[in-house]
Amino acid sequence: MNATRRSFLSQVAMWTSLAASYGAAAWFAARYLYPSKRPARSRSLFVGRLDAIPDGDARVIEDLRGVPVQVVRAGDQLRAISTVCPHLGCRVRWEPQNTRFFCPCHNGVFDAEGKVVSGPPPRPLDRYEVEVVDGSVYLKVKEPA
C-alpha cells in the first residue's frame, strides 16, 4: 500500500512541476511575441534663442538618432524639417534665395514646407514639431525605441 501511495504522490508532483514549467515557458513566449505597448516618449532639444536665428535663415541641429534637422525661420513662423532626402538618403540644403530645399544628388526640389516640387523623391521631407518658450526655440523629437 505504501508503494502505491508513494508512486501516486511522485506522479502528482512530476505532473504538477511539468505543468508549471510549461506554463512559465508559455508566459515567456507570449511576452516575447506580444510585448507590452509603451507610449512613445518625446524630448525637447534646445535649438537656440529666437532672436539669434535671422529671418529667412536656418539653424541645423541633430535629433536623438543623429539625423540633421534644419529649423527654418520665416518671420514669426518656425519649421523643422529633416535634411535627409527620402529618395536615396542624400543631404538636402536650404536655399534661402529660392526659399526651397534642394537635393544635389538627383536635383530633387522641395518647397519651404518640405513638399516635393520636382525630381525623383517619393514623398515629402520628414517634419518635426517646434515650440518657443520664453524666447528659446526647442525641437520636439521622439525618443528612439
C-alpha atoms as a PDB file:
ATOM      1  CA  MET A   1       0.000   0.000   0.000  1.00  0.00           C
ATOM      2  CA  ASN A   2       2.850   2.438   0.786  1.00  0.00           C
ATOM      3  CA  ALA A   3       4.425   1.820  -2.597  1.00  0.00           C
ATOM      4  CA  THR A   4       1.187   2.734  -4.353  1.00  0.00           C
ATOM      5  CA  ARG A   5       0.699   5.929  -2.353  1.00  0.00           C
ATOM      6  CA  ARG A   6       4.356   6.879  -2.866  1.00  0.00           C
ATOM      7  CA  SER A   7       4.201   6.308  -6.619  1.00  0.00           C
ATOM      8  CA  PHE A   8       0.918   8.252  -6.817  1.00  0.00           C
ATOM      9  CA  LEU A   9       2.389  11.249  -4.962  1.00  0.00           C
ATOM     10  CA  SER A  10       5.546  11.195  -7.088  1.00  0.00           C
ATOM     11  CA  GLN A  11       3.384  11.101 -10.240  1.00  0.00           C
ATOM     12  CA  VAL A  12       1.322  14.079  -8.990  1.00  0.00           C
ATOM     13  CA  ALA A  13       4.490  16.040  -8.122  1.00  0.00           C
ATOM     14  CA  MET A  14       6.024  15.275 -11.514  1.00  0.00           C
ATOM     15  CA  TRP A  15       2.916  16.338 -13.486  1.00  0.00           C
ATOM     16  CA  THR A  16       2.470  19.474 -11.353  1.00  0.00           C
ATOM     17  CA  SER A  17       6.055  20.592 -11.870  1.00  0.00           C
ATOM     18  CA  LEU A  18       5.835  19.758 -15.592  1.00  0.00           C
ATOM     19  CA  ALA A  19       2.652  21.841 -15.946  1.00  0.00           C
ATOM     20  CA  ALA A  20       4.249  24.729 -14.011  1.00  0.00           C
ATOM     21  CA  SER A  21       7.387  24.706 -16.182  1.00  0.00           C
ATOM     22  CA  TYR A  22       5.359  24.585 -19.420  1.00  0.00           C
ATOM     23  CA  GLY A  23       3.166  27.396 -18.104  1.00  0.00           C
ATOM     24  CA  ALA A  24       6.207  29.544 -17.324  1.00  0.00           C
ATOM     25  CA  ALA A  25       7.694  28.833 -20.758  1.00  0.00           C
ATOM     26  CA  ALA A  26       4.385  29.756 -22.422  1.00  0.00           C
ATOM     27  CA  TRP A  27       4.225  33.010 -20.417  1.00  0.00           C
ATOM     28  CA  PHE A  28       7.774  33.999 -21.504  1.00  0.00           C
ATOM     29  CA  ALA A  29       6.982  33.093 -25.119  1.00  0.00           C
ATOM     30  CA  ALA A  30       3.802  35.189 -25.042  1.00  0.00           C
ATOM     31  CA  ARG A  31       5.704  38.173 -23.570  1.00  0.00           C
ATOM     32  CA  TYR A  32       8.311  37.844 -26.314  1.00  0.00           C
ATOM     33  CA  LEU A  33       5.805  37.540 -29.159  1.00  0.00           C
ATOM     34  CA  TYR A  34       3.402  40.203 -27.855  1.00  0.00           C
ATOM     35  CA  PRO A  35       5.450  42.827 -25.984  1.00  0.00           C
ATOM     36  CA  SER A  36       3.620  45.429 -23.961  1.00  0.00           C
ATOM     37  CA  LYS A  37       2.994  48.673 -25.829  1.00  0.00           C
ATOM     38  CA  ARG A  38       4.606  51.714 -24.294  1.00  0.00           C
ATOM     39  CA  PRO A  39       3.648  55.184 -25.388  1.00  0.00           C
ATOM     40  CA  ALA A  40       6.388  56.964 -27.322  1.00  0.00           C
ATOM     41  CA  ARG A  41       8.198  59.451 -25.135  1.00  0.00           C
ATOM     42  CA  SER A  42       9.402  62.733 -26.518  1.00  0.00           C
ATOM     43  CA  ARG A  43      12.097  65.207 -25.600  1.00  0.00           C
ATOM     44  CA  SER A  44      12.702  68.852 -26.277  1.00  0.00           C
ATOM     45  CA  LEU A  45      16.126  69.716 -27.702  1.00  0.00           C
ATOM     46  CA  PHE A  46      17.380  73.276 -27.325  1.00  0.00           C
ATOM     47  CA  VAL A  47      17.965  74.898 -30.728  1.00  0.00           C
ATOM     48  CA  GLY A  48      18.850  78.431 -29.672  1.00  0.00           C
ATOM     49  CA  ARG A  49      17.379  81.816 -28.907  1.00  0.00           C
ATOM     50  CA  LEU A  50      14.716  83.019 -31.330  1.00  0.00           C
ATOM     51  CA  ASP A  51      16.446  86.364 -31.800  1.00  0.00           C
ATOM     52  CA  ALA A  52      19.701  84.548 -32.738  1.00  0.00           C
ATOM     53  CA  ILE A  53      18.056  82.980 -35.820  1.00  0.00           C
ATOM     54  CA  PRO A  54      17.756  85.661 -38.535  1.00  0.00           C
ATOM     55  CA  ASP A  55      14.574  85.852 -40.603  1.00  0.00           C
ATOM     56  CA  GLY A  56      14.860  83.572 -43.649  1.00  0.00           C
ATOM     57  CA  ASP A  57      17.839  81.697 -42.217  1.00  0.00           C
ATOM     58  CA  ALA A  58      18.152  78.166 -40.853  1.00  0.00           C
ATOM     59  CA  ARG A  59      19.819  76.527 -37.890  1.00  0.00           C
ATOM     60  CA  VAL A  60      20.925  72.875 -38.059  1.00  0.00           C
ATOM     61  CA  ILE A  61      20.583  70.540 -35.067  1.00  0.00           C
ATOM     62  CA  GLU A  62      20.768  66.748 -34.778  1.00  0.00           C
ATOM     63  CA  ASP A  63      17.890  64.710 -33.380  1.00  0.00           C
ATOM     64  CA  LEU A  64      18.414  61.821 -30.941  1.00  0.00           C
ATOM     65  CA  ARG A  65      19.282  59.420 -33.792  1.00  0.00           C
ATOM     66  CA  GLY A  66      21.903  61.779 -35.223  1.00  0.00           C
ATOM     67  CA  VAL A  67      19.786  62.933 -38.180  1.00  0.00           C
ATOM     68  CA  PRO A  68      20.419  66.604 -39.031  1.00  0.00           C
ATOM     69  CA  VAL A  69      17.302  68.767 -38.841  1.00  0.00           C
ATOM     70  CA  GLN A  70      17.061  72.306 -40.195  1.00  0.00           C
ATOM     71  CA  VAL A  71      14.983  74.783 -38.242  1.00  0.00           C
ATOM     72  CA  VAL A  72      13.969  77.488 -40.723  1.00  0.00           C
ATOM     73  CA  ARG A  73      12.620  80.850 -39.617  1.00  0.00           C
ATOM     74  CA  ALA A  74      10.186  82.791 -41.773  1.00  0.00           C
ATOM     75  CA  GLY A  75       9.078  85.819 -39.796  1.00  0.00           C
ATOM     76  CA  ASP A  76       7.472  84.529 -36.612  1.00  0.00           C
ATOM     77  CA  GLN A  77       6.929  81.067 -38.097  1.00  0.00           C
ATOM     78  CA  LEU A  78       9.414  78.234 -37.486  1.00  0.00           C
ATOM     79  CA  ARG A  79       9.602  74.963 -39.418  1.00  0.00           C
ATOM     80  CA  ALA A  80      11.773  71.986 -38.544  1.00  0.00           C
ATOM     81  CA  ILE A  81      12.457  69.701 -41.470  1.00  0.00           C
ATOM     82  CA  SER A  82      14.775  66.704 -41.808  1.00  0.00           C
ATOM     83  CA  THR A  83      17.730  67.199 -44.147  1.00  0.00           C
ATOM     84  CA  VAL A  84      17.688  63.578 -45.316  1.00  0.00           C
ATOM     85  CA  CYS A  85      16.164  63.132 -48.785  1.00  0.00           C
ATOM     86  CA  PRO A  86      13.590  60.294 -48.833  1.00  0.00           C
ATOM     87  CA  HIS A  87      14.820  59.199 -52.271  1.00  0.00           C
ATOM     88  CA  LEU A  88      18.331  57.915 -51.506  1.00  0.00           C
ATOM     89  CA  GLY A  89      19.223  59.485 -48.162  1.00  0.00           C
ATOM     90  CA  CYS A  90      21.322  62.349 -49.531  1.00  0.00           C
ATOM     91  CA  ARG A  91      21.555  65.584 -47.547  1.00  0.00           C
ATOM     92  CA  VAL A  92      19.291  68.371 -48.719  1.00  0.00           C
ATOM     93  CA  ARG A  93      20.196  72.003 -48.115  1.00  0.00           C
ATOM     94  CA  TRP A  94      18.106  75.105 -47.569  1.00  0.00           C
ATOM     95  CA  GLU A  95      18.449  77.746 -50.280  1.00  0.00           C
ATOM     96  CA  PRO A  96      17.147  80.979 -48.739  1.00  0.00           C
ATOM     97  CA  GLN A  97      17.407  82.940 -52.013  1.00  0.00           C
ATOM     98  CA  ASN A  98      14.995  80.452 -53.666  1.00  0.00           C
ATOM     99  CA  THR A  99      13.044  79.615 -50.468  1.00  0.00           C
ATOM    100  CA  ARG A 100      13.375  75.891 -51.132  1.00  0.00           C
ATOM    101  CA  PHE A 101      15.222  72.760 -50.109  1.00  0.00           C
ATOM    102  CA  PHE A 102      17.467  71.264 -52.773  1.00  0.00           C
ATOM    103  CA  CYS A 103      18.906  67.740 -53.029  1.00  0.00           C
ATOM    104  CA  PRO A 104      22.089  67.794 -55.142  1.00  0.00           C
ATOM    105  CA  CYS A 105      22.151  64.012 -55.765  1.00  0.00           C
ATOM    106  CA  HIS A 106      19.322  63.884 -58.312  1.00  0.00           C
ATOM    107  CA  ASN A 107      18.119  67.512 -58.421  1.00  0.00           C
ATOM    108  CA  GLY A 108      15.229  66.922 -56.048  1.00  0.00           C
ATOM    109  CA  VAL A 109      13.437  70.135 -55.126  1.00  0.00           C
ATOM    110  CA  PHE A 110      11.220  70.649 -52.074  1.00  0.00           C
ATOM    111  CA  ASP A 111       9.246  73.767 -51.202  1.00  0.00           C
ATOM    112  CA  ALA A 112       9.613  75.656 -47.920  1.00  0.00           C
ATOM    113  CA  GLU A 113       7.192  73.220 -46.241  1.00  0.00           C
ATOM    114  CA  GLY A 114       9.226  70.167 -47.363  1.00  0.00           C
ATOM    115  CA  LYS A 115       6.750  69.043 -50.045  1.00  0.00           C
ATOM    116  CA  VAL A 116       8.109  67.618 -53.299  1.00  0.00           C
ATOM    117  CA  VAL A 117       8.171  70.147 -56.149  1.00  0.00           C
ATOM    118  CA  SER A 118      10.223  68.223 -58.712  1.00  0.00           C
ATOM    119  CA  GLY A 119      12.641  65.351 -59.056  1.00  0.00           C
ATOM    120  CA  PRO A 120      12.547  61.708 -58.016  1.00  0.00           C
ATOM    121  CA  PRO A 121      11.771  61.928 -54.245  1.00  0.00           C
ATOM    122  CA  PRO A 122       8.738  59.704 -53.497  1.00  0.00           C
ATOM    123  CA  ARG A 123       7.430  61.680 -50.514  1.00  0.00           C
ATOM    124  CA  PRO A 124       7.932  64.946 -48.602  1.00  0.00           C
ATOM    125  CA  LEU A 125      10.714  65.562 -46.116  1.00  0.00           C
ATOM    126  CA  ASP A 126      10.059  64.489 -42.517  1.00  0.00           C
ATOM    127  CA  ARG A 127       8.682  67.251 -40.288  1.00  0.00           C
ATOM    128  CA  TYR A 128       9.320  67.917 -36.610  1.00  0.00           C
ATOM    129  CA  GLU A 129       7.406  69.950 -34.072  1.00  0.00           C
ATOM    130  CA  VAL A 130       8.946  73.220 -32.878  1.00  0.00           C
ATOM    131  CA  GLU A 131       7.978  75.236 -29.838  1.00  0.00           C
ATOM    132  CA  VAL A 132       9.099  78.607 -28.494  1.00  0.00           C
ATOM    133  CA  VAL A 133       9.221  79.042 -24.729  1.00  0.00           C
ATOM    134  CA  ASP A 134      10.307  82.412 -23.291  1.00  0.00           C
ATOM    135  CA  GLY A 135      12.227  83.302 -26.457  1.00  0.00           C
ATOM    136  CA  SER A 136      14.024  79.944 -26.649  1.00  0.00           C
ATOM    137  CA  VAL A 137      13.413  77.561 -29.558  1.00  0.00           C
ATOM    138  CA  TYR A 138      13.016  73.855 -28.826  1.00  0.00           C
ATOM    139  CA  LEU A 139      12.780  70.905 -31.224  1.00  0.00           C
ATOM    140  CA  LYS A 140      10.407  68.173 -30.044  1.00  0.00           C
ATOM    141  CA  VAL A 141      11.627  64.704 -31.004  1.00  0.00           C
ATOM    142  CA  LYS A 142      10.541  61.164 -30.144  1.00  0.00           C
ATOM    143  CA  GLU A 143      12.990  59.023 -28.227  1.00  0.00           C
ATOM    144  CA  PRO A 144      14.366  56.038 -30.125  1.00  0.00           C
ATOM    145  CA  ALA A 145      12.806  52.711 -29.175  1.00  0.00           C
END
